[in-house]
């Protein structure tokens, strides 16, 4: 089984589940036991945090999860390589949260915080893929952090109806 970790799943119009309609999910882990990811284009209205929080999916998480685009924030330990989730995307830890809570002056911050996650049991995601519910796109930090969140799904999902010509 080829892993989809590091890929975006882009919901196709056939997917009518309200939890995933018009979503983009970054797959963090994909194994025979199932898959785990974060919906990256659903901002929430949570106001108790000093930064925006996204709804990562319908499954409840203990605390917040973080993605960021700063390789220098990753402390992988001596002799340990820094392994990104996808090119330019890293999982954050508590030290990363302190960097976004107290940013250095003039520091550009590329991060997203998530409440909840998306999860699939064994063969569940494979069944949805076979049914045509998802388009798979290789994820990058540029896509995640540079495309405005409200445009991400539209930019990654192919149009299902041809656009009329204005000529």
N, C-alpha and C. Protein backbone atom coordinates (compact mmCIF):
# COMPACT_ATOMS: atom_id res chain seq x y z
N UNK A 1 0.85 -1.19 0.00
CA UNK A 1 0.00 0.00 0.00
C UNK A 1 0.89 1.25 0.00
N UNK A 2 0.67 2.11 -0.97
CA UNK A 2 1.40 3.37 -1.03
C UNK A 2 0.78 4.35 -0.04
N UNK A 3 1.64 5.03 0.69
CA UNK A 3 1.13 5.98 1.69
C UNK A 3 0.75 7.31 1.02
N UNK A 4 -0.28 7.93 1.56
CA UNK A 4 -0.70 9.25 1.11
C UNK A 4 -0.23 10.34 2.07
N UNK A 5 0.55 9.98 3.08
CA UNK A 5 1.07 10.98 4.02
C UNK A 5 1.82 12.05 3.24
N UNK A 6 1.55 13.30 3.58
CA UNK A 6 2.16 14.42 2.88
C UNK A 6 1.37 14.89 1.68
N UNK A 7 0.19 14.33 1.48
CA UNK A 7 -0.67 14.72 0.36
C UNK A 7 -1.89 15.47 0.87
N UNK A 8 -2.41 16.32 0.00
CA UNK A 8 -3.71 16.92 0.25
C UNK A 8 -4.76 16.00 -0.37
N UNK A 9 -5.84 15.78 0.36
CA UNK A 9 -7.04 15.19 -0.21
C UNK A 9 -7.98 16.35 -0.47
N UNK A 10 -8.42 16.47 -1.69
CA UNK A 10 -9.33 17.55 -2.08
C UNK A 10 -10.69 16.93 -2.33
N UNK A 11 -11.68 17.34 -1.54
CA UNK A 11 -13.02 16.76 -1.65
C UNK A 11 -13.61 17.09 -3.02
N UNK A 12 -14.10 16.06 -3.67
CA UNK A 12 -14.77 16.25 -4.96
C UNK A 12 -16.26 16.45 -4.70
N UNK A 13 -16.97 16.92 -5.70
CA UNK A 13 -18.39 17.25 -5.52
C UNK A 13 -19.23 16.03 -5.14
N UNK A 14 -18.77 14.83 -5.45
CA UNK A 14 -19.50 13.60 -5.09
C UNK A 14 -19.57 13.42 -3.57
N UNK A 15 -18.63 14.00 -2.83
CA UNK A 15 -18.56 13.85 -1.38
C UNK A 15 -19.53 14.84 -0.73
N UNK A 16 -20.64 14.33 -0.21
CA UNK A 16 -21.67 15.18 0.36
C UNK A 16 -21.68 15.22 1.88
N UNK A 17 -20.81 14.45 2.54
CA UNK A 17 -20.70 14.49 3.99
C UNK A 17 -20.42 15.93 4.42
N UNK A 18 -21.28 16.55 5.22
CA UNK A 18 -21.08 17.96 5.59
C UNK A 18 -19.77 18.21 6.33
N UNK A 19 -19.20 17.18 6.96
CA UNK A 19 -17.91 17.34 7.62
C UNK A 19 -16.77 17.58 6.63
N UNK A 20 -16.96 17.14 5.39
CA UNK A 20 -15.87 17.19 4.43
C UNK A 20 -16.22 17.88 3.12
N UNK A 21 -17.43 18.39 2.98
CA UNK A 21 -17.82 19.05 1.74
C UNK A 21 -16.91 20.25 1.50
N UNK A 22 -16.31 20.32 0.31
CA UNK A 22 -15.40 21.39 -0.12
C UNK A 22 -14.23 21.59 0.85
N UNK A 23 -13.68 20.49 1.33
CA UNK A 23 -12.53 20.59 2.22
C UNK A 23 -11.24 20.16 1.51
N UNK A 24 -10.15 20.58 2.12
CA UNK A 24 -8.81 20.12 1.76
C UNK A 24 -8.23 19.54 3.04
N UNK A 25 -7.81 18.27 2.99
CA UNK A 25 -7.28 17.57 4.16
C UNK A 25 -5.81 17.25 3.91
N UNK A 26 -4.94 17.63 4.83
CA UNK A 26 -3.53 17.24 4.76
C UNK A 26 -3.39 15.91 5.51
N UNK A 27 -2.98 14.87 4.80
CA UNK A 27 -2.81 13.55 5.43
C UNK A 27 -1.47 13.53 6.15
N UNK A 28 -1.52 13.28 7.46
CA UNK A 28 -0.31 13.23 8.28
C UNK A 28 0.20 11.80 8.44
N UNK A 29 -0.71 10.85 8.44
CA UNK A 29 -0.33 9.45 8.61
C UNK A 29 -1.29 8.58 7.82
N UNK A 30 -0.74 7.58 7.12
CA UNK A 30 -1.57 6.67 6.33
C UNK A 30 -0.91 5.30 6.37
N UNK A 31 -1.56 4.37 7.05
CA UNK A 31 -1.05 3.01 7.22
C UNK A 31 -2.19 2.03 7.03
N UNK A 32 -1.88 0.75 7.14
CA UNK A 32 -2.92 -0.28 7.03
C UNK A 32 -3.98 -0.12 8.12
N UNK A 33 -3.59 0.41 9.29
CA UNK A 33 -4.53 0.58 10.40
C UNK A 33 -5.50 1.73 10.18
N UNK A 34 -5.22 2.58 9.19
CA UNK A 34 -6.09 3.71 8.91
C UNK A 34 -5.29 4.96 8.56
N UNK A 35 -5.96 6.08 8.56
CA UNK A 35 -5.32 7.34 8.18
C UNK A 35 -5.76 8.45 9.14
N UNK A 36 -4.95 9.50 9.19
CA UNK A 36 -5.14 10.62 10.10
C UNK A 36 -4.70 11.88 9.37
N UNK A 37 -5.49 12.94 9.45
CA UNK A 37 -5.12 14.19 8.81
C UNK A 37 -5.84 15.37 9.41
N UNK A 38 -5.61 16.53 8.82
CA UNK A 38 -6.20 17.78 9.29
C UNK A 38 -6.88 18.51 8.14
N UNK A 39 -8.13 18.91 8.36
CA UNK A 39 -8.81 19.78 7.40
C UNK A 39 -8.14 21.14 7.53
N UNK A 40 -7.56 21.64 6.44
CA UNK A 40 -6.75 22.85 6.53
C UNK A 40 -7.45 24.11 6.04
N UNK A 41 -8.71 23.99 5.63
CA UNK A 41 -9.39 25.18 5.08
C UNK A 41 -10.72 25.49 5.77
N UNK A 42 -10.82 25.20 7.06
CA UNK A 42 -12.05 25.52 7.81
C UNK A 42 -11.73 26.33 9.07
N UNK A 43 -11.66 27.65 8.95
CA UNK A 43 -11.44 28.47 10.14
C UNK A 43 -12.62 28.33 11.10
N UNK A 44 -12.36 28.46 12.39
CA UNK A 44 -13.42 28.44 13.39
C UNK A 44 -13.61 29.84 13.94
N UNK A 45 -14.54 29.96 14.84
CA UNK A 45 -14.81 31.24 15.51
C UNK A 45 -14.30 31.23 16.95
N UNK A 46 -13.38 30.32 17.28
CA UNK A 46 -12.85 30.26 18.64
C UNK A 46 -12.09 31.53 18.96
N UNK A 47 -12.50 32.23 19.99
CA UNK A 47 -11.91 33.53 20.33
C UNK A 47 -11.01 33.47 21.56
N UNK A 48 -10.89 32.29 22.21
CA UNK A 48 -10.12 32.23 23.45
C UNK A 48 -8.61 32.14 23.21
N UNK A 49 -8.17 32.13 21.94
CA UNK A 49 -6.75 32.02 21.63
C UNK A 49 -6.27 33.29 20.95
N UNK A 50 -4.98 33.62 21.10
CA UNK A 50 -4.46 34.85 20.48
C UNK A 50 -4.10 34.65 19.00
N UNK A 51 -4.56 33.56 18.39
CA UNK A 51 -4.28 33.26 16.99
C UNK A 51 -5.48 32.53 16.41
N UNK A 52 -5.61 32.53 15.08
CA UNK A 52 -6.74 31.82 14.47
C UNK A 52 -6.63 30.31 14.70
N UNK A 53 -7.76 29.66 14.84
CA UNK A 53 -7.81 28.21 15.02
C UNK A 53 -8.72 27.65 13.93
N UNK A 54 -8.29 26.54 13.34
CA UNK A 54 -9.04 25.87 12.29
C UNK A 54 -9.68 24.60 12.85
N UNK A 55 -10.80 24.23 12.27
CA UNK A 55 -11.43 22.96 12.62
C UNK A 55 -10.72 21.88 11.80
N UNK A 56 -9.91 21.08 12.47
CA UNK A 56 -9.11 20.06 11.79
C UNK A 56 -9.91 18.85 11.36
N UNK A 57 -11.15 18.74 11.83
CA UNK A 57 -11.99 17.61 11.45
C UNK A 57 -12.98 17.29 12.55
N UNK A 58 -13.82 16.30 12.29
CA UNK A 58 -14.90 15.98 13.23
C UNK A 58 -14.47 15.17 14.45
N UNK A 59 -13.24 14.63 14.46
CA UNK A 59 -12.78 13.84 15.60
C UNK A 59 -12.17 14.77 16.65
N UNK A 60 -12.50 14.52 17.90
CA UNK A 60 -12.04 15.37 18.98
C UNK A 60 -10.59 15.06 19.35
N UNK A 61 -9.79 16.11 19.54
CA UNK A 61 -8.39 15.96 19.92
C UNK A 61 -8.20 16.50 21.33
N UNK A 62 -7.21 15.99 22.03
CA UNK A 62 -6.84 16.54 23.34
C UNK A 62 -5.90 17.71 23.10
N UNK A 63 -6.42 18.91 23.13
CA UNK A 63 -5.60 20.09 22.88
C UNK A 63 -5.58 20.45 21.41
N UNK A 64 -4.67 21.36 21.07
CA UNK A 64 -4.54 21.85 19.71
C UNK A 64 -3.39 21.15 18.99
N UNK A 65 -3.50 21.07 17.68
CA UNK A 65 -2.43 20.56 16.83
C UNK A 65 -1.92 21.73 16.00
N UNK A 66 -0.63 21.70 15.63
CA UNK A 66 -0.05 22.82 14.90
C UNK A 66 0.74 22.34 13.69
N UNK A 67 0.57 23.06 12.59
CA UNK A 67 1.42 22.92 11.42
C UNK A 67 2.12 24.25 11.23
N UNK A 68 3.38 24.20 10.81
CA UNK A 68 4.11 25.45 10.55
C UNK A 68 5.08 25.25 9.40
N UNK A 69 5.63 26.34 8.92
CA UNK A 69 6.55 26.31 7.80
C UNK A 69 7.95 26.76 8.14
N UNK A 70 8.39 26.55 9.37
CA UNK A 70 9.69 27.05 9.84
C UNK A 70 10.60 25.90 10.24
N UNK A 71 11.47 25.49 9.33
CA UNK A 71 12.40 24.38 9.63
C UNK A 71 13.27 24.69 10.84
N UNK A 72 13.63 25.96 11.02
CA UNK A 72 14.49 26.34 12.15
C UNK A 72 13.78 26.22 13.50
N UNK A 73 12.47 26.03 13.52
CA UNK A 73 11.75 25.82 14.77
C UNK A 73 11.82 24.37 15.25
N UNK A 74 12.23 23.47 14.37
CA UNK A 74 12.20 22.05 14.67
C UNK A 74 13.47 21.66 15.41
N UNK A 75 13.30 21.11 16.60
CA UNK A 75 14.43 20.60 17.38
C UNK A 75 14.38 19.08 17.29
N UNK A 76 15.09 18.56 16.29
CA UNK A 76 15.04 17.12 16.06
C UNK A 76 16.09 16.37 16.87
N UNK A 77 16.89 17.08 17.64
CA UNK A 77 17.89 16.42 18.47
C UNK A 77 19.18 16.18 17.70
N UNK A 78 20.27 15.92 18.44
CA UNK A 78 21.57 15.71 17.79
C UNK A 78 21.55 14.50 16.87
N UNK A 79 21.99 14.72 15.65
CA UNK A 79 22.07 13.62 14.69
C UNK A 79 20.74 13.18 14.11
N UNK A 80 19.64 13.84 14.50
CA UNK A 80 18.31 13.47 14.00
C UNK A 80 17.94 14.41 12.86
N UNK A 81 17.60 13.88 11.71
CA UNK A 81 17.20 14.76 10.60
C UNK A 81 15.83 15.37 10.86
N UNK A 82 15.65 16.57 10.35
CA UNK A 82 14.35 17.24 10.44
C UNK A 82 13.49 16.71 9.30
N UNK A 83 12.44 15.97 9.62
CA UNK A 83 11.59 15.35 8.61
C UNK A 83 10.28 16.13 8.52
N UNK A 84 10.03 16.78 7.39
CA UNK A 84 8.77 17.50 7.24
C UNK A 84 7.60 16.56 6.97
N UNK A 85 6.40 17.02 7.26
CA UNK A 85 5.17 16.30 6.91
C UNK A 85 5.06 16.26 5.39
N UNK A 86 5.35 17.37 4.76
CA UNK A 86 5.39 17.56 3.31
C UNK A 86 6.42 18.66 3.08
N UNK A 87 6.89 18.87 1.86
CA UNK A 87 7.88 19.93 1.66
C UNK A 87 7.40 21.28 2.22
N UNK A 88 8.16 21.81 3.18
CA UNK A 88 7.83 23.11 3.77
C UNK A 88 6.76 23.09 4.84
N UNK A 89 6.33 21.90 5.31
CA UNK A 89 5.29 21.79 6.35
C UNK A 89 5.82 20.89 7.46
N UNK A 90 5.76 21.40 8.70
CA UNK A 90 6.26 20.68 9.86
C UNK A 90 5.20 20.63 10.95
N UNK A 91 5.24 19.57 11.76
CA UNK A 91 4.38 19.50 12.95
C UNK A 91 5.00 20.33 14.05
N UNK A 92 4.18 21.10 14.74
CA UNK A 92 4.68 21.93 15.82
C UNK A 92 4.53 21.27 17.16
N UNK A 93 5.31 21.75 18.13
CA UNK A 93 5.20 21.29 19.51
C UNK A 93 5.02 22.51 20.41
N UNK A 94 5.10 22.30 21.73
CA UNK A 94 4.84 23.41 22.66
C UNK A 94 5.84 24.55 22.48
N UNK A 95 7.09 24.26 22.10
CA UNK A 95 8.05 25.35 21.89
C UNK A 95 7.65 26.20 20.68
N UNK A 96 7.02 25.59 19.69
CA UNK A 96 6.56 26.33 18.52
C UNK A 96 5.37 27.23 18.88
N UNK A 97 4.51 26.73 19.76
CA UNK A 97 3.36 27.53 20.19
C UNK A 97 3.85 28.79 20.89
N UNK A 98 4.90 28.68 21.69
CA UNK A 98 5.42 29.88 22.37
C UNK A 98 5.96 30.89 21.35
N UNK A 99 6.46 30.42 20.21
CA UNK A 99 6.98 31.34 19.18
C UNK A 99 5.86 32.12 18.51
N UNK A 100 4.68 31.52 18.39
CA UNK A 100 3.58 32.27 17.77
C UNK A 100 2.85 33.12 18.81
N UNK A 101 2.94 32.74 20.08
CA UNK A 101 2.31 33.54 21.14
C UNK A 101 3.13 34.78 21.45
N UNK A 102 4.46 34.68 21.29
CA UNK A 102 5.37 35.80 21.56
C UNK A 102 6.33 35.94 20.38
N UNK A 103 5.84 36.39 19.22
CA UNK A 103 6.71 36.43 18.03
C UNK A 103 7.81 37.47 18.15
N UNK A 104 8.93 37.18 17.50
CA UNK A 104 10.01 38.14 17.42
C UNK A 104 9.56 39.29 16.52
N UNK A 105 10.06 40.50 16.77
CA UNK A 105 9.67 41.63 15.91
C UNK A 105 10.01 41.36 14.45
N UNK A 106 9.11 41.74 13.56
CA UNK A 106 9.29 41.61 12.11
C UNK A 106 9.45 40.16 11.63
N UNK A 107 9.01 39.20 12.43
CA UNK A 107 9.09 37.81 12.02
C UNK A 107 7.81 37.42 11.29
N UNK A 108 7.95 36.91 10.07
CA UNK A 108 6.80 36.41 9.33
C UNK A 108 6.48 35.02 9.84
N UNK A 109 5.24 34.81 10.26
CA UNK A 109 4.85 33.52 10.84
C UNK A 109 3.97 32.75 9.86
N UNK A 110 4.41 31.55 9.52
CA UNK A 110 3.61 30.63 8.71
C UNK A 110 3.21 29.48 9.60
N UNK A 111 1.97 29.51 10.07
CA UNK A 111 1.48 28.44 10.93
C UNK A 111 -0.03 28.37 10.87
N UNK A 112 -0.54 27.22 11.29
CA UNK A 112 -1.98 27.03 11.49
C UNK A 112 -2.17 26.14 12.71
N UNK A 113 -3.15 26.52 13.53
CA UNK A 113 -3.51 25.75 14.72
C UNK A 113 -4.85 25.08 14.45
N UNK A 114 -5.00 23.85 14.96
CA UNK A 114 -6.19 23.05 14.68
C UNK A 114 -6.80 22.47 15.95
N UNK A 115 -8.11 22.50 15.98
CA UNK A 115 -8.88 21.83 17.01
C UNK A 115 -9.60 20.68 16.30
N UNK A 116 -9.31 19.46 16.70
CA UNK A 116 -9.91 18.29 16.06
C UNK A 116 -9.08 17.78 14.91
N UNK A 117 -9.47 16.63 14.40
CA UNK A 117 -8.75 16.02 13.29
C UNK A 117 -9.71 15.13 12.49
N UNK A 118 -9.24 14.67 11.34
CA UNK A 118 -9.99 13.75 10.49
C UNK A 118 -9.33 12.38 10.60
N UNK A 119 -10.12 11.35 10.78
CA UNK A 119 -9.57 10.01 10.90
C UNK A 119 -10.37 8.99 10.10
N UNK A 120 -9.68 7.99 9.59
CA UNK A 120 -10.29 6.91 8.84
C UNK A 120 -9.81 5.58 9.41
N UNK A 121 -10.70 4.60 9.47
CA UNK A 121 -10.35 3.26 9.91
C UNK A 121 -9.69 2.48 8.78
N UNK A 122 -9.34 1.21 9.03
CA UNK A 122 -8.71 0.39 8.00
C UNK A 122 -9.57 0.33 6.74
N UNK A 123 -8.94 0.59 5.61
CA UNK A 123 -9.56 0.53 4.27
C UNK A 123 -10.66 1.55 4.03
N UNK A 124 -11.01 2.37 5.00
CA UNK A 124 -12.08 3.35 4.81
C UNK A 124 -11.68 4.42 3.78
N UNK A 125 -10.50 4.98 3.93
CA UNK A 125 -10.05 6.00 2.99
C UNK A 125 -9.88 5.41 1.59
N UNK A 126 -9.36 4.20 1.50
CA UNK A 126 -9.18 3.55 0.20
C UNK A 126 -10.53 3.36 -0.50
N UNK A 127 -11.56 3.04 0.26
CA UNK A 127 -12.91 2.90 -0.32
C UNK A 127 -13.42 4.24 -0.85
N UNK A 128 -13.19 5.31 -0.10
CA UNK A 128 -13.62 6.64 -0.54
C UNK A 128 -12.85 7.07 -1.78
N UNK A 129 -11.56 6.76 -1.84
CA UNK A 129 -10.78 7.08 -3.03
C UNK A 129 -11.28 6.31 -4.24
N UNK A 130 -11.57 5.02 -4.07
CA UNK A 130 -12.07 4.19 -5.16
C UNK A 130 -13.42 4.69 -5.67
N UNK A 131 -14.22 5.29 -4.77
CA UNK A 131 -15.53 5.83 -5.16
C UNK A 131 -15.41 7.20 -5.83
N UNK A 132 -14.20 7.75 -5.88
CA UNK A 132 -14.00 9.05 -6.53
C UNK A 132 -14.30 10.24 -5.66
N UNK A 133 -14.33 10.05 -4.33
CA UNK A 133 -14.68 11.14 -3.42
C UNK A 133 -13.56 12.15 -3.22
N UNK A 134 -12.30 11.73 -3.47
CA UNK A 134 -11.16 12.60 -3.19
C UNK A 134 -10.22 12.67 -4.39
N UNK A 135 -9.65 13.83 -4.58
CA UNK A 135 -8.55 14.03 -5.51
C UNK A 135 -7.29 14.12 -4.65
N UNK A 136 -6.21 13.48 -5.05
CA UNK A 136 -4.96 13.50 -4.30
C UNK A 136 -3.99 14.46 -4.97
N UNK A 137 -3.45 15.41 -4.19
CA UNK A 137 -2.51 16.41 -4.67
C UNK A 137 -1.33 16.45 -3.71
N UNK A 138 -0.10 16.43 -4.22
CA UNK A 138 1.07 16.53 -3.35
C UNK A 138 1.03 17.89 -2.63
N UNK A 139 1.15 17.87 -1.32
CA UNK A 139 1.09 19.09 -0.52
C UNK A 139 2.45 19.78 -0.48
N UNK A 140 2.42 21.10 -0.37
CA UNK A 140 3.63 21.90 -0.15
C UNK A 140 3.30 23.03 0.81
N UNK A 141 4.33 23.55 1.44
CA UNK A 141 4.14 24.69 2.32
C UNK A 141 3.64 25.92 1.58
N UNK A 142 4.08 26.09 0.33
CA UNK A 142 3.61 27.24 -0.45
C UNK A 142 2.10 27.18 -0.63
N UNK A 143 1.59 26.00 -0.95
CA UNK A 143 0.14 25.87 -1.12
C UNK A 143 -0.58 26.16 0.19
N UNK A 144 -0.11 25.55 1.27
CA UNK A 144 -0.79 25.67 2.55
C UNK A 144 -0.74 27.09 3.10
N UNK A 145 0.41 27.72 3.04
CA UNK A 145 0.57 29.01 3.71
C UNK A 145 0.41 30.22 2.80
N UNK A 146 0.57 30.05 1.48
CA UNK A 146 0.51 31.21 0.59
C UNK A 146 -0.82 31.40 -0.11
N UNK A 147 -1.57 30.32 -0.31
CA UNK A 147 -2.89 30.46 -0.94
C UNK A 147 -3.88 30.85 0.15
N UNK A 148 -4.64 31.92 -0.04
CA UNK A 148 -5.62 32.31 0.99
C UNK A 148 -6.56 31.13 1.29
N UNK A 149 -6.84 30.93 2.57
CA UNK A 149 -7.61 29.77 3.01
C UNK A 149 -8.96 29.67 2.30
N UNK A 150 -9.58 30.80 2.02
CA UNK A 150 -10.89 30.78 1.37
C UNK A 150 -10.79 30.38 -0.11
N UNK A 151 -9.58 30.39 -0.68
CA UNK A 151 -9.38 30.03 -2.08
C UNK A 151 -8.76 28.64 -2.26
N UNK A 152 -8.33 28.01 -1.19
CA UNK A 152 -7.56 26.77 -1.30
C UNK A 152 -8.32 25.67 -2.04
N UNK A 153 -9.55 25.39 -1.64
CA UNK A 153 -10.31 24.32 -2.29
C UNK A 153 -10.52 24.64 -3.76
N UNK A 154 -10.93 25.87 -4.08
CA UNK A 154 -11.17 26.25 -5.47
C UNK A 154 -9.91 26.12 -6.32
N UNK A 155 -8.76 26.45 -5.75
CA UNK A 155 -7.50 26.38 -6.50
C UNK A 155 -7.03 24.96 -6.73
N UNK A 156 -7.34 24.04 -5.80
CA UNK A 156 -6.86 22.66 -5.91
C UNK A 156 -7.85 21.73 -6.57
N UNK A 157 -9.15 22.04 -6.49
CA UNK A 157 -10.18 21.17 -7.07
C UNK A 157 -10.36 21.52 -8.54
N UNK A 158 -10.31 20.51 -9.41
CA UNK A 158 -10.56 20.82 -10.83
C UNK A 158 -12.02 21.19 -11.02
N UNK A 159 -12.31 22.08 -11.93
CA UNK A 159 -13.71 22.44 -12.16
C UNK A 159 -14.49 21.24 -12.68
N UNK A 160 -15.70 21.08 -12.18
CA UNK A 160 -16.53 19.96 -12.62
C UNK A 160 -17.40 20.34 -13.81
N UNK A 161 -17.59 21.63 -14.00
CA UNK A 161 -18.38 22.13 -15.13
C UNK A 161 -17.50 23.10 -15.89
N UNK A 162 -17.35 22.94 -17.19
CA UNK A 162 -16.52 23.89 -17.94
C UNK A 162 -17.02 25.32 -17.77
N UNK A 163 -16.07 26.23 -17.65
CA UNK A 163 -16.42 27.64 -17.54
C UNK A 163 -16.84 28.17 -18.91
N UNK A 164 -17.93 28.95 -18.99
CA UNK A 164 -18.36 29.48 -20.29
C UNK A 164 -17.34 30.50 -20.81
N UNK A 165 -17.22 30.55 -22.11
CA UNK A 165 -16.33 31.51 -22.75
C UNK A 165 -17.00 32.87 -22.74
N UNK A 166 -16.23 33.91 -22.57
CA UNK A 166 -16.77 35.27 -22.58
C UNK A 166 -16.64 35.90 -23.96
N UNK A 167 -16.18 35.13 -24.94
CA UNK A 167 -16.01 35.66 -26.30
C UNK A 167 -17.30 35.65 -27.06
